[in-house]
Amino acid sequence: MEVLDRAPAVSPDGHAVVFMLSIRGQEVEGAIARDALEEHFWLPRSADATRTLKTFEQGRNRSGAVAQIKLLARPDEPLRLGVNDFVAR
């Protein structure tokens, strides 16, 4: 997995961070829900966009690994990571 040059950004509604991944030579846009960052990456509920992106960057390896697993399991679905994607099973 390689993260592409396009910088992650907070979605216009503020409910997710949108990012790009390169997996197996394919560029894929993904998103991680803000509530997943709050619950599993300790993002404060009152955090602004700068803090949200910093938290995403700090958890990039973990979210990237989960994204890769999810893409392998469901390659035809949009890549959206939510709270349940980070729950140990």
N, C-alpha and C. Protein backbone atom coordinates (compact mmCIF):
# COMPACT_ATOMS: atom_id res chain seq x y z
N MET A 1 0.84 -1.17 0.00
CA MET A 1 0.00 0.00 0.00
C MET A 1 0.88 1.23 0.00
N GLU A 2 0.50 2.19 -0.83
CA GLU A 2 1.23 3.45 -0.89
C GLU A 2 0.21 4.57 -0.89
N VAL A 3 0.44 5.58 -0.09
CA VAL A 3 -0.44 6.73 -0.08
C VAL A 3 0.03 7.69 -1.17
N LEU A 4 -0.89 8.16 -1.97
CA LEU A 4 -0.56 9.02 -3.10
C LEU A 4 -0.35 10.46 -2.68
N ASP A 5 0.12 11.26 -3.63
CA ASP A 5 0.47 12.65 -3.35
C ASP A 5 -0.72 13.52 -2.95
N ARG A 6 -1.90 13.21 -3.45
CA ARG A 6 -3.05 14.04 -3.10
C ARG A 6 -3.26 14.01 -1.60
N ALA A 7 -3.17 15.16 -1.01
CA ALA A 7 -3.24 15.26 0.45
C ALA A 7 -4.64 14.90 0.95
N PRO A 8 -4.70 14.22 2.08
CA PRO A 8 -6.00 13.95 2.70
C PRO A 8 -6.70 15.27 3.01
N ALA A 9 -8.02 15.24 3.02
CA ALA A 9 -8.80 16.45 3.30
C ALA A 9 -10.05 16.07 4.08
N VAL A 10 -10.49 17.00 4.89
CA VAL A 10 -11.75 16.82 5.60
C VAL A 10 -12.87 17.05 4.57
N SER A 11 -13.85 16.17 4.57
CA SER A 11 -14.97 16.30 3.63
C SER A 11 -15.71 17.61 3.88
N PRO A 12 -16.40 18.12 2.86
CA PRO A 12 -17.12 19.40 3.02
C PRO A 12 -18.10 19.42 4.19
N ASP A 13 -18.72 18.27 4.49
CA ASP A 13 -19.67 18.24 5.61
C ASP A 13 -18.99 17.99 6.96
N GLY A 14 -17.66 17.72 6.92
CA GLY A 14 -16.91 17.52 8.15
C GLY A 14 -17.06 16.15 8.79
N HIS A 15 -17.76 15.24 8.13
CA HIS A 15 -18.04 13.94 8.72
C HIS A 15 -17.03 12.86 8.38
N ALA A 16 -16.00 13.20 7.57
CA ALA A 16 -15.02 12.19 7.15
C ALA A 16 -13.73 12.85 6.70
N VAL A 17 -12.68 12.04 6.63
CA VAL A 17 -11.44 12.44 5.99
C VAL A 17 -11.34 11.62 4.72
N VAL A 18 -11.15 12.31 3.61
CA VAL A 18 -11.04 11.67 2.30
C VAL A 18 -9.56 11.56 1.95
N PHE A 19 -9.14 10.39 1.45
CA PHE A 19 -7.73 10.15 1.15
C PHE A 19 -7.62 9.27 -0.09
N MET A 20 -6.42 9.19 -0.65
CA MET A 20 -6.14 8.33 -1.80
C MET A 20 -5.12 7.27 -1.40
N LEU A 21 -5.32 6.07 -1.91
CA LEU A 21 -4.38 4.96 -1.71
C LEU A 21 -4.01 4.39 -3.07
N SER A 22 -2.83 3.83 -3.14
CA SER A 22 -2.44 3.04 -4.31
C SER A 22 -2.23 1.63 -3.81
N ILE A 23 -3.09 0.73 -4.28
CA ILE A 23 -3.02 -0.66 -3.86
C ILE A 23 -2.96 -1.52 -5.11
N ARG A 24 -1.88 -2.30 -5.19
CA ARG A 24 -1.68 -3.17 -6.35
C ARG A 24 -1.74 -2.40 -7.66
N GLY A 25 -1.15 -1.21 -7.65
CA GLY A 25 -1.08 -0.39 -8.86
C GLY A 25 -2.37 0.34 -9.21
N GLN A 26 -3.37 0.23 -8.38
CA GLN A 26 -4.65 0.88 -8.63
C GLN A 26 -4.84 2.02 -7.64
N GLU A 27 -5.25 3.19 -8.15
CA GLU A 27 -5.54 4.32 -7.28
C GLU A 27 -6.98 4.23 -6.79
N VAL A 28 -7.14 4.35 -5.49
CA VAL A 28 -8.45 4.20 -4.88
C VAL A 28 -8.69 5.37 -3.93
N GLU A 29 -9.87 6.00 -4.05
CA GLU A 29 -10.25 7.03 -3.09
C GLU A 29 -10.96 6.36 -1.94
N GLY A 30 -10.62 6.76 -0.74
CA GLY A 30 -11.26 6.22 0.44
C GLY A 30 -11.67 7.34 1.39
N ALA A 31 -12.42 6.96 2.39
CA ALA A 31 -12.83 7.91 3.41
C ALA A 31 -12.92 7.18 4.74
N ILE A 32 -12.54 7.87 5.79
CA ILE A 32 -12.70 7.35 7.14
C ILE A 32 -13.63 8.30 7.88
N ALA A 33 -14.64 7.74 8.49
CA ALA A 33 -15.63 8.54 9.20
C ALA A 33 -15.02 9.23 10.41
N ARG A 34 -15.47 10.44 10.65
CA ARG A 34 -15.00 11.20 11.81
C ARG A 34 -15.28 10.44 13.10
N ASP A 35 -16.44 9.80 13.19
CA ASP A 35 -16.75 9.08 14.42
C ASP A 35 -15.78 7.92 14.66
N ALA A 36 -15.24 7.32 13.59
CA ALA A 36 -14.22 6.28 13.76
C ALA A 36 -12.93 6.89 14.32
N LEU A 37 -12.58 8.09 13.84
CA LEU A 37 -11.40 8.77 14.38
C LEU A 37 -11.60 9.14 15.84
N GLU A 38 -12.82 9.54 16.19
CA GLU A 38 -13.11 9.89 17.57
C GLU A 38 -13.05 8.66 18.49
N GLU A 39 -13.63 7.57 18.04
CA GLU A 39 -13.72 6.40 18.90
C GLU A 39 -12.43 5.57 18.97
N HIS A 40 -11.73 5.45 17.86
CA HIS A 40 -10.59 4.55 17.81
C HIS A 40 -9.23 5.24 17.69
N PHE A 41 -9.22 6.55 17.46
CA PHE A 41 -7.96 7.27 17.30
C PHE A 41 -7.87 8.48 18.24
N TRP A 42 -8.79 8.57 19.17
CA TRP A 42 -8.80 9.59 20.23
C TRP A 42 -8.90 11.02 19.71
N LEU A 43 -9.62 11.23 18.63
CA LEU A 43 -9.88 12.58 18.14
C LEU A 43 -10.92 13.23 19.05
N PRO A 44 -10.62 14.40 19.63
CA PRO A 44 -11.62 15.08 20.46
C PRO A 44 -12.83 15.50 19.62
N ARG A 45 -14.02 15.39 20.18
CA ARG A 45 -15.25 15.76 19.45
C ARG A 45 -15.24 17.21 18.98
N SER A 46 -14.55 18.07 19.69
CA SER A 46 -14.52 19.49 19.34
C SER A 46 -13.36 19.85 18.40
N ALA A 47 -12.64 18.86 17.90
CA ALA A 47 -11.45 19.12 17.09
C ALA A 47 -11.78 19.83 15.78
N ASP A 48 -10.90 20.74 15.39
CA ASP A 48 -11.05 21.43 14.12
C ASP A 48 -10.43 20.59 13.00
N ALA A 49 -10.48 21.10 11.76
CA ALA A 49 -9.98 20.36 10.61
C ALA A 49 -8.49 20.04 10.73
N THR A 50 -7.71 20.97 11.24
CA THR A 50 -6.27 20.75 11.38
C THR A 50 -5.99 19.58 12.31
N ARG A 51 -6.64 19.56 13.44
CA ARG A 51 -6.47 18.48 14.41
C ARG A 51 -6.99 17.15 13.85
N THR A 52 -8.09 17.20 13.11
CA THR A 52 -8.65 15.99 12.50
C THR A 52 -7.66 15.37 11.53
N LEU A 53 -7.05 16.19 10.69
CA LEU A 53 -6.07 15.69 9.72
C LEU A 53 -4.82 15.17 10.42
N LYS A 54 -4.41 15.83 11.50
CA LYS A 54 -3.24 15.36 12.26
C LYS A 54 -3.53 13.99 12.87
N THR A 55 -4.70 13.82 13.41
CA THR A 55 -5.09 12.53 13.98
C THR A 55 -5.12 11.45 12.90
N PHE A 56 -5.66 11.79 11.74
CA PHE A 56 -5.66 10.84 10.62
C PHE A 56 -4.23 10.43 10.27
N GLU A 57 -3.34 11.41 10.16
CA GLU A 57 -1.94 11.12 9.82
C GLU A 57 -1.28 10.21 10.85
N GLN A 58 -1.57 10.45 12.11
CA GLN A 58 -0.98 9.63 13.18
C GLN A 58 -1.47 8.19 13.12
N GLY A 59 -2.66 7.98 12.62
CA GLY A 59 -3.22 6.63 12.53
C GLY A 59 -3.21 6.07 11.13
N ARG A 60 -2.43 6.67 10.24
CA ARG A 60 -2.42 6.30 8.82
C ARG A 60 -2.07 4.82 8.60
N ASN A 61 -1.10 4.30 9.31
CA ASN A 61 -0.71 2.89 9.10
C ASN A 61 -1.85 1.95 9.47
N ARG A 62 -2.49 2.21 10.58
CA ARG A 62 -3.60 1.35 11.02
C ARG A 62 -4.78 1.45 10.07
N SER A 63 -5.17 2.67 9.72
CA SER A 63 -6.32 2.84 8.82
C SER A 63 -5.99 2.30 7.43
N GLY A 64 -4.73 2.44 7.00
CA GLY A 64 -4.34 1.90 5.70
C GLY A 64 -4.42 0.39 5.66
N ALA A 65 -4.03 -0.26 6.75
CA ALA A 65 -4.11 -1.72 6.82
C ALA A 65 -5.56 -2.19 6.78
N VAL A 66 -6.42 -1.49 7.52
CA VAL A 66 -7.85 -1.84 7.53
C VAL A 66 -8.44 -1.59 6.14
N ALA A 67 -8.05 -0.51 5.51
CA ALA A 67 -8.53 -0.20 4.16
C ALA A 67 -8.15 -1.29 3.17
N GLN A 68 -6.92 -1.75 3.27
CA GLN A 68 -6.46 -2.79 2.35
C GLN A 68 -7.26 -4.08 2.54
N ILE A 69 -7.49 -4.46 3.77
CA ILE A 69 -8.28 -5.67 4.06
C ILE A 69 -9.69 -5.52 3.53
N LYS A 70 -10.28 -4.36 3.75
CA LYS A 70 -11.65 -4.13 3.30
C LYS A 70 -11.73 -4.15 1.78
N LEU A 71 -10.74 -3.56 1.10
CA LEU A 71 -10.73 -3.59 -0.36
C LEU A 71 -10.59 -5.00 -0.91
N LEU A 72 -9.79 -5.81 -0.27
CA LEU A 72 -9.63 -7.19 -0.72
C LEU A 72 -10.93 -7.98 -0.53
N ALA A 73 -11.64 -7.70 0.54
CA ALA A 73 -12.89 -8.41 0.83
C ALA A 73 -14.05 -7.92 -0.04
N ARG A 74 -14.04 -6.63 -0.36
CA ARG A 74 -15.15 -6.03 -1.12
C ARG A 74 -14.61 -5.08 -2.19
N PRO A 75 -13.96 -5.62 -3.21
CA PRO A 75 -13.30 -4.76 -4.20
C PRO A 75 -14.24 -3.90 -5.04
N ASP A 76 -15.51 -4.26 -5.12
CA ASP A 76 -16.45 -3.51 -5.96
C ASP A 76 -17.22 -2.44 -5.20
N GLU A 77 -16.99 -2.33 -3.90
CA GLU A 77 -17.70 -1.34 -3.09
C GLU A 77 -16.81 -0.13 -2.83
N PRO A 78 -17.44 1.04 -2.66
CA PRO A 78 -16.64 2.23 -2.29
C PRO A 78 -15.92 1.98 -0.97
N LEU A 79 -14.73 2.54 -0.84
CA LEU A 79 -13.93 2.35 0.36
C LEU A 79 -14.32 3.39 1.41
N ARG A 80 -15.13 2.98 2.36
CA ARG A 80 -15.58 3.83 3.44
C ARG A 80 -15.31 3.10 4.74
N LEU A 81 -14.48 3.69 5.58
CA LEU A 81 -14.15 3.08 6.86
C LEU A 81 -14.98 3.72 7.96
N GLY A 82 -15.65 2.88 8.73
CA GLY A 82 -16.46 3.36 9.83
C GLY A 82 -15.99 2.79 11.15
N VAL A 83 -16.72 3.09 12.18
CA VAL A 83 -16.39 2.63 13.53
C VAL A 83 -16.23 1.12 13.58
N ASN A 84 -17.15 0.39 12.99
CA ASN A 84 -17.14 -1.08 13.07
C ASN A 84 -15.96 -1.72 12.35
N ASP A 85 -15.34 -1.01 11.42
CA ASP A 85 -14.20 -1.57 10.70
C ASP A 85 -12.96 -1.70 11.60
N PHE A 86 -12.96 -1.04 12.74
CA PHE A 86 -11.79 -1.06 13.63
C PHE A 86 -12.04 -1.89 14.89
N VAL A 87 -13.16 -2.58 14.94
CA VAL A 87 -13.49 -3.44 16.08
C VAL A 87 -12.83 -4.79 15.87
N ALA A 88 -12.10 -5.26 16.88
CA ALA A 88 -11.45 -6.57 16.81
C ALA A 88 -12.52 -7.65 16.80
N ARG A 89 -12.33 -8.62 15.93
CA ARG A 89 -13.32 -9.70 15.84
C ARG A 89 -12.69 -11.01 16.21
